[in-house]
PDB file of N, CA and C in Angstrom:
ATOM      1  N   MET A   1       0.827  -1.188   0.000  1.00  0.00           N
ATOM      2  CA  MET A   1       0.000   0.000   0.000  1.00  0.00           C
ATOM      3  C   MET A   1       0.870   1.250   0.000  1.00  0.00           C
ATOM      4  N   ALA A   2       0.329   2.256  -0.581  1.00  0.00           N
ATOM      5  CA  ALA A   2       1.035   3.537  -0.637  1.00  0.00           C
ATOM      6  C   ALA A   2       0.965   4.217   0.728  1.00  0.00           C
ATOM      7  N   ASP A   3       1.939   5.029   0.963  1.00  0.00           N
ATOM      8  CA  ASP A   3       2.001   5.788   2.213  1.00  0.00           C
ATOM      9  C   ASP A   3       0.811   6.752   2.277  1.00  0.00           C
ATOM     10  N   PRO A   4       0.060   6.756   3.372  1.00  0.00           N
ATOM     11  CA  PRO A   4      -1.114   7.637   3.463  1.00  0.00           C
ATOM     12  C   PRO A   4      -0.751   9.121   3.393  1.00  0.00           C
ATOM     13  N   ARG A   5       0.455   9.467   3.781  1.00  0.00           N
ATOM     14  CA  ARG A   5       0.869  10.878   3.695  1.00  0.00           C
ATOM     15  C   ARG A   5       0.982  11.311   2.243  1.00  0.00           C
ATOM     16  N   ILE A   6       1.482  10.421   1.403  1.00  0.00           N
ATOM     17  CA  ILE A   6       1.602  10.739  -0.025  1.00  0.00           C
ATOM     18  C   ILE A   6       0.213  10.907  -0.634  1.00  0.00           C
ATOM     19  N   ARG A   7      -0.709  10.042  -0.235  1.00  0.00           N
ATOM     20  CA  ARG A   7      -2.082  10.144  -0.736  1.00  0.00           C
ATOM     21  C   ARG A   7      -2.694  11.486  -0.336  1.00  0.00           C
ATOM     22  N   GLN A   8      -2.499  11.886   0.913  1.00  0.00           N
ATOM     23  CA  GLN A   8      -3.026  13.170   1.385  1.00  0.00           C
ATOM     24  C   GLN A   8      -2.395  14.334   0.638  1.00  0.00           C
ATOM     25  N   ILE A   9      -1.115  14.252   0.361  1.00  0.00           N
ATOM     26  CA  ILE A   9      -0.430  15.312  -0.398  1.00  0.00           C
ATOM     27  C   ILE A   9      -1.013  15.408  -1.802  1.00  0.00           C
ATOM     28  N   LYS A  10      -1.253  14.259  -2.431  1.00  0.00           N
ATOM     29  CA  LYS A  10      -1.835  14.260  -3.776  1.00  0.00           C
ATOM     30  C   LYS A  10      -3.232  14.870  -3.762  1.00  0.00           C
ATOM     31  N   ILE A  11      -4.022  14.536  -2.762  1.00  0.00           N
ATOM     32  CA  ILE A  11      -5.375  15.086  -2.657  1.00  0.00           C
ATOM     33  C   ILE A  11      -5.316  16.596  -2.478  1.00  0.00           C
ATOM     34  N   LYS A  12      -4.483  17.045  -1.570  1.00  0.00           N
ATOM     35  CA  LYS A  12      -4.387  18.483  -1.291  1.00  0.00           C
ATOM     36  C   LYS A  12      -3.812  19.252  -2.479  1.00  0.00           C
ATOM     37  N   THR A  13      -2.883  18.626  -3.194  1.00  0.00           N
ATOM     38  CA  THR A  13      -2.333  19.253  -4.394  1.00  0.00           C
ATOM     39  C   THR A  13      -3.425  19.401  -5.451  1.00  0.00           C
ATOM     40  N   GLY A  14      -4.260  18.378  -5.598  1.00  0.00           N
ATOM     41  CA  GLY A  14      -5.371  18.441  -6.543  1.00  0.00           C
ATOM     42  C   GLY A  14      -6.351  19.544  -6.190  1.00  0.00           C
ATOM     43  N   VAL A  15      -6.613  19.716  -4.898  1.00  0.00           N
ATOM     44  CA  VAL A  15      -7.524  20.774  -4.454  1.00  0.00           C
ATOM     45  C   VAL A  15      -6.951  22.137  -4.815  1.00  0.00           C
ATOM     46  N   VAL A  16      -5.660  22.325  -4.555  1.00  0.00           N
ATOM     47  CA  VAL A  16      -5.028  23.615  -4.861  1.00  0.00           C
ATOM     48  C   VAL A  16      -5.065  23.883  -6.362  1.00  0.00           C
ATOM     49  N   LYS A  17      -4.774  22.881  -7.165  1.00  0.00           N
ATOM     50  CA  LYS A  17      -4.812  23.058  -8.623  1.00  0.00           C
ATOM     51  C   LYS A  17      -6.211  23.455  -9.087  1.00  0.00           C
ATOM     52  N   ARG A  18      -7.230  22.794  -8.522  1.00  0.00           N
ATOM     53  CA  ARG A  18      -8.607  23.106  -8.901  1.00  0.00           C
ATOM     54  C   ARG A  18      -8.978  24.534  -8.496  1.00  0.00           C
ATOM     55  N   LEU A  19      -8.578  24.933  -7.302  1.00  0.00           N
ATOM     56  CA  LEU A  19      -8.884  26.287  -6.837  1.00  0.00           C
ATOM     57  C   LEU A  19      -8.195  27.344  -7.701  1.00  0.00           C
ATOM     58  N   ILE A  20      -6.964  27.069  -8.094  1.00  0.00           N
ATOM     59  CA  ILE A  20      -6.249  28.006  -8.968  1.00  0.00           C
ATOM     60  C   ILE A  20      -6.962  28.113 -10.309  1.00  0.00           C
ATOM     61  N   LYS A  21      -7.367  26.977 -10.855  1.00  0.00           N
ATOM     62  CA  LYS A  21      -8.077  26.969 -12.135  1.00  0.00           C
ATOM     63  C   LYS A  21      -9.385  27.751 -12.032  1.00  0.00           C
ATOM     64  N   GLU A  22     -10.133  27.559 -10.936  1.00  0.00           N
ATOM     65  CA  GLU A  22     -11.378  28.288 -10.742  1.00  0.00           C
ATOM     66  C   GLU A  22     -11.129  29.784 -10.637  1.00  0.00           C
ATOM     67  N   LYS A  23     -10.092  30.181  -9.910  1.00  0.00           N
ATOM     68  CA  LYS A  23      -9.792  31.602  -9.752  1.00  0.00           C
ATOM     69  C   LYS A  23      -9.483  32.232 -11.100  1.00  0.00           C
ATOM     70  N   VAL A  24      -8.692  31.546 -11.917  1.00  0.00           N
ATOM     71  CA  VAL A  24      -8.358  32.063 -13.241  1.00  0.00           C
ATOM     72  C   VAL A  24      -9.625  32.254 -14.072  1.00  0.00           C
ATOM     73  N   MET A  25     -10.538  31.287 -13.989  1.00  0.00           N
ATOM     74  CA  MET A  25     -11.786  31.397 -14.745  1.00  0.00           C
ATOM     75  C   MET A  25     -12.650  32.542 -14.220  1.00  0.00           C
ATOM     76  N   TYR A  26     -12.691  32.736 -12.905  1.00  0.00           N
ATOM     77  CA  TYR A  26     -13.483  33.830 -12.338  1.00  0.00           C
ATOM     78  C   TYR A  26     -12.918  35.187 -12.753  1.00  0.00           C
ATOM     79  N   VAL A  27     -11.603  35.303 -12.761  1.00  0.00           N
ATOM     80  CA  VAL A  27     -10.976  36.557 -13.184  1.00  0.00           C
ATOM     81  C   VAL A  27     -11.289  36.820 -14.651  1.00  0.00           C
ATOM     82  N   LYS A  28     -11.206  35.788 -15.462  1.00  0.00           N
ATOM     83  CA  LYS A  28     -11.502  35.909 -16.892  1.00  0.00           C
ATOM     84  C   LYS A  28     -12.959  36.320 -17.109  1.00  0.00           C
ATOM     85  N   GLU A  29     -13.866  35.689 -16.367  1.00  0.00           N
ATOM     86  CA  GLU A  29     -15.289  36.014 -16.489  1.00  0.00           C
ATOM     87  C   GLU A  29     -15.567  37.446 -16.035  1.00  0.00           C
ATOM     88  N   THR A  30     -14.887  37.879 -14.986  1.00  0.00           N
ATOM     89  CA  THR A  30     -15.045  39.246 -14.498  1.00  0.00           C
ATOM     90  C   THR A  30     -14.633  40.250 -15.561  1.00  0.00           C
ATOM     91  N   LYS A  31     -13.512  40.004 -16.205  1.00  0.00           N
ATOM     92  CA  LYS A  31     -13.046  40.902 -17.264  1.00  0.00           C
ATOM     93  C   LYS A  31     -14.042  40.946 -18.416  1.00  0.00           C
ATOM     94  N   GLN A  32     -14.590  39.796 -18.772  1.00  0.00           N
ATOM     95  CA  GLN A  32     -15.568  39.753 -19.855  1.00  0.00           C
ATOM     96  C   GLN A  32     -16.812  40.556 -19.493  1.00  0.00           C
ATOM     97  N   GLN A  33     -17.279  40.426 -18.254  1.00  0.00           N
ATOM     98  CA  GLN A  33     -18.463  41.168 -17.824  1.00  0.00           C
ATOM     99  C   GLN A  33     -18.190  42.668 -17.804  1.00  0.00           C
ATOM    100  N   GLU A  34     -17.000  43.054 -17.348  1.00  0.00           N
ATOM    101  CA  GLU A  34     -16.652  44.479 -17.335  1.00  0.00           C
ATOM    102  C   GLU A  34     -16.619  45.044 -18.754  1.00  0.00           C
ATOM    103  N   GLU A  35     -16.049  44.279 -19.688  1.00  0.00           N
ATOM    104  CA  GLU A  35     -16.010  44.721 -21.075  1.00  0.00           C
ATOM    105  C   GLU A  35     -17.425  44.840 -21.647  1.00  0.00           C
ATOM    106  N   LYS A  36     -18.282  43.894 -21.293  1.00  0.00           N
ATOM    107  CA  LYS A  36     -19.668  43.925 -21.767  1.00  0.00           C
ATOM    108  C   LYS A  36     -20.385  45.164 -21.230  1.00  0.00           C
ATOM    109  N   ILE A  37     -20.185  45.474 -19.968  1.00  0.00           N
ATOM    110  CA  ILE A  37     -20.818  46.655 -19.370  1.00  0.00           C
ATOM    111  C   ILE A  37     -20.306  47.923 -20.033  1.00  0.00           C
ATOM    112  N   GLU A  38     -19.028  48.005 -20.278  1.00  0.00           N
ATOM    113  CA  GLU A  38     -18.464  49.190 -20.941  1.00  0.00           C
ATOM    114  C   GLU A  38     -19.031  49.345 -22.346  1.00  0.00           C
ATOM    115  N   ARG A  39     -19.176  48.227 -23.057  1.00  0.00           N
ATOM    116  CA  ARG A  39     -19.761  48.271 -24.404  1.00  0.00           C
ATOM    117  C   ARG A  39     -21.199  48.767 -24.339  1.00  0.00           C
ATOM    118  N   LEU A  40     -21.959  48.222 -23.381  1.00  0.00           N
ATOM    119  CA  LEU A  40     -23.350  48.654 -23.239  1.00  0.00           C
ATOM    120  C   LEU A  40     -23.436  50.128 -22.872  1.00  0.00           C
ATOM    121  N   LYS A  41     -22.557  50.579 -22.001  1.00  0.00           N
ATOM    122  CA  LYS A  41     -22.562  51.989 -21.623  1.00  0.00           C
ATOM    123  C   LYS A  41     -22.263  52.867 -22.830  1.00  0.00           C
ATOM    124  N   ALA A  42     -21.285  52.459 -23.620  1.00  0.00           N
ATOM    125  CA  ALA A  42     -20.925  53.240 -24.793  1.00  0.00           C
ATOM    126  C   ALA A  42     -22.098  53.320 -25.779  1.00  0.00           C
ATOM    127  N   GLU A  43     -22.791  52.204 -25.935  1.00  0.00           N
ATOM    128  CA  GLU A  43     -23.936  52.182 -26.843  1.00  0.00           C
ATOM    129  C   GLU A  43     -25.126  52.946 -26.266  1.00  0.00           C
ATOM    130  N   ALA A  44     -25.321  52.823 -24.968  1.00  0.00           N
ATOM    131  CA  ALA A  44     -26.517  53.389 -24.345  1.00  0.00           C
ATOM    132  C   ALA A  44     -26.454  54.899 -24.182  1.00  0.00           C
ATOM    133  N   PHE A  45     -25.282  55.438 -24.019  1.00  0.00           N
ATOM    134  CA  PHE A  45     -25.188  56.857 -23.722  1.00  0.00           C
ATOM    135  C   PHE A  45     -24.821  57.720 -24.927  1.00  0.00           C
ATOM    136  N   ASN A  46     -24.977  57.141 -26.113  1.00  0.00           N
ATOM    137  CA  ASN A  46     -24.857  57.994 -27.287  1.00  0.00           C
ATOM    138  C   ASN A  46     -26.212  58.659 -27.534  1.00  0.00           C
ATOM    139  N   GLU A  47     -26.295  59.496 -28.502  1.00  0.00           N
ATOM    140  CA  GLU A  47     -27.517  60.274 -28.727  1.00  0.00           C
ATOM    141  C   GLU A  47     -28.720  59.411 -29.096  1.00  0.00           C
ATOM    142  N   GLU A  48     -28.482  58.241 -29.663  1.00  0.00           N
ATOM    143  CA  GLU A  48     -29.573  57.386 -30.110  1.00  0.00           C
ATOM    144  C   GLU A  48     -29.915  56.313 -29.085  1.00  0.00           C
ATOM    145  N   ALA A  49     -29.550  56.520 -27.853  1.00  0.00           N
ATOM    146  CA  ALA A  49     -29.751  55.506 -26.819  1.00  0.00           C
ATOM    147  C   ALA A  49     -31.233  55.286 -26.548  1.00  0.00           C
ATOM    148  N   ASP A  50     -31.558  54.016 -26.363  1.00  0.00           N
ATOM    149  CA  ASP A  50     -32.941  53.716 -25.997  1.00  0.00           C
ATOM    150  C   ASP A  50     -33.014  53.407 -24.500  1.00  0.00           C
ATOM    151  N   SER A  51     -34.183  53.514 -23.968  1.00  0.00           N
ATOM    152  CA  SER A  51     -34.345  53.346 -22.528  1.00  0.00           C
ATOM    153  C   SER A  51     -34.102  51.904 -22.092  1.00  0.00           C
ATOM    154  N   GLU A  52     -34.311  50.949 -22.988  1.00  0.00           N
ATOM    155  CA  GLU A  52     -34.085  49.553 -22.623  1.00  0.00           C
ATOM    156  C   GLU A  52     -32.608  49.283 -22.349  1.00  0.00           C
ATOM    157  N   ALA A  53     -31.732  49.828 -23.167  1.00  0.00           N
ATOM    158  CA  ALA A  53     -30.291  49.640 -22.956  1.00  0.00           C
ATOM    159  C   ALA A  53     -29.862  50.264 -21.632  1.00  0.00           C
ATOM    160  N   LYS A  54     -30.398  51.442 -21.331  1.00  0.00           N
ATOM    161  CA  LYS A  54     -30.075  52.079 -20.050  1.00  0.00           C
ATOM    162  C   LYS A  54     -30.584  51.239 -18.885  1.00  0.00           C
ATOM    163  N   TYR A  55     -31.766  50.670 -19.053  1.00  0.00           N
ATOM    164  CA  TYR A  55     -32.337  49.820 -18.009  1.00  0.00           C
ATOM    165  C   TYR A  55     -31.464  48.597 -17.766  1.00  0.00           C
ATOM    166  N   VAL A  56     -30.994  47.979 -18.833  1.00  0.00           N
ATOM    167  CA  VAL A  56     -30.141  46.789 -18.711  1.00  0.00           C
ATOM    168  C   VAL A  56     -28.865  47.138 -17.958  1.00  0.00           C
ATOM    169  N   ILE A  57     -28.290  48.278 -18.262  1.00  0.00           N
ATOM    170  CA  ILE A  57     -27.056  48.695 -17.590  1.00  0.00           C
ATOM    171  C   ILE A  57     -27.308  48.926 -16.107  1.00  0.00           C
ATOM    172  N   LYS A  58     -28.330  49.655 -15.799  1.00  0.00           N
ATOM    173  CA  LYS A  58     -28.646  49.928 -14.387  1.00  0.00           C
ATOM    174  C   LYS A  58     -28.916  48.634 -13.628  1.00  0.00           C
ATOM    175  N   LYS A  59     -29.664  47.727 -14.253  1.00  0.00           N
ATOM    176  CA  LYS A  59     -29.982  46.458 -13.608  1.00  0.00           C
ATOM    177  C   LYS A  59     -28.712  45.646 -13.375  1.00  0.00           C
ATOM    178  N   GLN A  60     -27.845  45.606 -14.360  1.00  0.00           N
ATOM    179  CA  GLN A  60     -26.585  44.860 -14.253  1.00  0.00           C
ATOM    180  C   GLN A  60     -25.745  45.421 -13.110  1.00  0.00           C
ATOM    181  N   GLU A  61     -25.632  46.723 -13.042  1.00  0.00           N
ATOM    182  CA  GLU A  61     -24.833  47.346 -11.984  1.00  0.00           C
ATOM    183  C   GLU A  61     -25.448  47.081 -10.611  1.00  0.00           C
ATOM    184  N   THR A  62     -26.754  47.131 -10.502  1.00  0.00           N
ATOM    185  CA  THR A  62     -27.429  46.872  -9.234  1.00  0.00           C
ATOM    186  C   THR A  62     -27.220  45.428  -8.801  1.00  0.00           C
ATOM    187  N   GLU A  63     -27.362  44.499  -9.740  1.00  0.00           N
ATOM    188  CA  GLU A  63     -27.155  43.085  -9.423  1.00  0.00           C
ATOM    189  C   GLU A  63     -25.718  42.835  -8.983  1.00  0.00           C
ATOM    190  N   GLU A  64     -24.770  43.491  -9.633  1.00  0.00           N
ATOM    191  CA  GLU A  64     -23.367  43.330  -9.248  1.00  0.00           C
ATOM    192  C   GLU A  64     -23.138  43.851  -7.834  1.00  0.00           C
ATOM    193  N   ASP A  65     -23.729  44.979  -7.519  1.00  0.00           N
ATOM    194  CA  ASP A  65     -23.574  45.537  -6.175  1.00  0.00           C
ATOM    195  C   ASP A  65     -24.136  44.581  -5.127  1.00  0.00           C
ATOM    196  N   LEU A  66     -25.324  44.049  -5.396  1.00  0.00           N
ATOM    197  CA  LEU A  66     -25.938  43.122  -4.447  1.00  0.00           C
ATOM    198  C   LEU A  66     -25.119  41.848  -4.312  1.00  0.00           C
ATOM    199  N   ALA A  67     -24.677  41.320  -5.432  1.00  0.00           N
ATOM    200  CA  ALA A  67     -23.886  40.092  -5.399  1.00  0.00           C
ATOM    201  C   ALA A  67     -22.586  40.317  -4.643  1.00  0.00           C
ATOM    202  N   GLU A  68     -21.972  41.450  -4.895  1.00  0.00           N
ATOM    203  CA  GLU A  68     -20.716  41.744  -4.223  1.00  0.00           C
ATOM    204  C   GLU A  68     -20.935  41.891  -2.732  1.00  0.00           C
ATOM    205  N   ALA A  69     -22.007  42.540  -2.363  1.00  0.00           N
ATOM    206  CA  ALA A  69     -22.270  42.795  -0.954  1.00  0.00           C
ATOM    207  C   ALA A  69     -22.524  41.497  -0.192  1.00  0.00           C
ATOM    208  N   GLU A  70     -23.244  40.547  -0.786  1.00  0.00           N
ATOM    209  CA  GLU A  70     -23.608  39.324  -0.083  1.00  0.00           C
ATOM    210  C   GLU A  70     -22.635  38.184  -0.362  1.00  0.00           C
ATOM    211  N   GLU A  71     -22.513  37.817  -1.612  1.00  0.00           N
ATOM    212  CA  GLU A  71     -21.701  36.667  -1.967  1.00  0.00           C
ATOM    213  C   GLU A  71     -20.219  36.919  -1.752  1.00  0.00           C
ATOM    214  N   TYR A  72     -19.779  38.127  -2.038  1.00  0.00           N
ATOM    215  CA  TYR A  72     -18.365  38.429  -1.856  1.00  0.00           C
ATOM    216  C   TYR A  72     -17.972  38.305  -0.391  1.00  0.00           C
ATOM    217  N   LYS A  73     -18.797  38.841   0.481  1.00  0.00           N
ATOM    218  CA  LYS A  73     -18.497  38.764   1.915  1.00  0.00           C
ATOM    219  C   LYS A  73     -18.464  37.313   2.383  1.00  0.00           C
ATOM    220  N   GLU A  74     -19.421  36.532   1.900  1.00  0.00           N
ATOM    221  CA  GLU A  74     -19.467  35.122   2.278  1.00  0.00           C
ATOM    222  C   GLU A  74     -18.253  34.370   1.742  1.00  0.00           C
ATOM    223  N   ALA A  75     -17.922  34.611   0.483  1.00  0.00           N
ATOM    224  CA  ALA A  75     -16.770  33.941  -0.113  1.00  0.00           C
ATOM    225  C   ALA A  75     -15.475  34.363   0.574  1.00  0.00           C
ATOM    226  N   ARG A  76     -15.360  35.632   0.886  1.00  0.00           N
ATOM    227  CA  ARG A  76     -14.169  36.136   1.555  1.00  0.00           C
ATOM    228  C   ARG A  76     -14.017  35.489   2.927  1.00  0.00           C
ATOM    229  N   THR A  77     -15.126  35.314   3.641  1.00  0.00           N
ATOM    230  CA  THR A  77     -15.100  34.673   4.952  1.00  0.00           C
ATOM    231  C   THR A  77     -14.614  33.231   4.840  1.00  0.00           C
ATOM    232  N   VAL A  78     -15.136  32.518   3.842  1.00  0.00           N
ATOM    233  CA  VAL A  78     -14.735  31.135   3.645  1.00  0.00           C
ATOM    234  C   VAL A  78     -13.257  31.050   3.273  1.00  0.00           C
ATOM    235  N   LEU A  79     -12.818  31.902   2.355  1.00  0.00           N
ATOM    236  CA  LEU A  79     -11.419  31.883   1.953  1.00  0.00           C
ATOM    237  C   LEU A  79     -10.492  32.228   3.101  1.00  0.00           C
ATOM    238  N   ASP A  80     -10.890  33.187   3.914  1.00  0.00           N
ATOM    239  CA  ASP A  80     -10.061  33.568   5.061  1.00  0.00           C
ATOM    240  C   ASP A  80      -9.977  32.449   6.095  1.00  0.00           C
ATOM    241  N   SER A  81     -11.032  31.651   6.178  1.00  0.00           N
ATOM    242  CA  SER A  81     -11.037  30.577   7.170  1.00  0.00           C
ATOM    243  C   SER A  81     -10.201  29.377   6.727  1.00  0.00           C
ATOM    244  N   VAL A  82      -9.986  29.265   5.421  1.00  0.00           N
ATOM    245  CA  VAL A  82      -9.202  28.142   4.906  1.00  0.00           C
ATOM    246  C   VAL A  82      -7.724  28.475   5.038  1.00  0.00           C
ATOM    247  N   LYS A  83      -7.019  27.587   5.666  1.00  0.00           N
ATOM    248  CA  LYS A  83      -5.579  27.781   5.827  1.00  0.00           C
ATOM    249  C   LYS A  83      -4.874  26.531   5.355  1.00  0.00           C
ATOM    250  N   LEU A  84      -3.759  26.721   4.687  1.00  0.00           N
ATOM    251  CA  LEU A  84      -2.985  25.573   4.240  1.00  0.00           C
ATOM    252  C   LEU A  84      -2.284  24.958   5.444  1.00  0.00           C
ATOM    253  N   GLU A  85      -2.326  23.647   5.488  1.00  0.00           N
ATOM    254  CA  GLU A  85      -1.651  22.959   6.577  1.00  0.00           C
ATOM    255  C   GLU A  85      -0.178  22.839   6.234  1.00  0.00           C
ATOM    256  N   GLY A  86       0.675  23.104   7.190  1.00  0.00           N
ATOM    257  CA  GLY A  86       2.108  23.123   6.951  1.00  0.00           C
ATOM    258  C   GLY A  86       2.807  21.882   7.243  1.00  0.00           C
TER     259      GLY A  86
END
């Protein structure tokens, strides 16, 4: 049988790799959303802007604020509580 310490190291290494991959994807998704919002703002605030585009922008910004206020705090708490074992 393999040494249980090696098995635990492999498991923990896999967890770290997965978390890094998720973080990279979240950062990428955040950049895409920011670019989308900037595009919508540019389109919405020209002279031919319609009220629907402005509504979408306001709604998106409001949802982001709410998500950041609730989910961000919760995620930050969880991340802060996780510590790597030495």
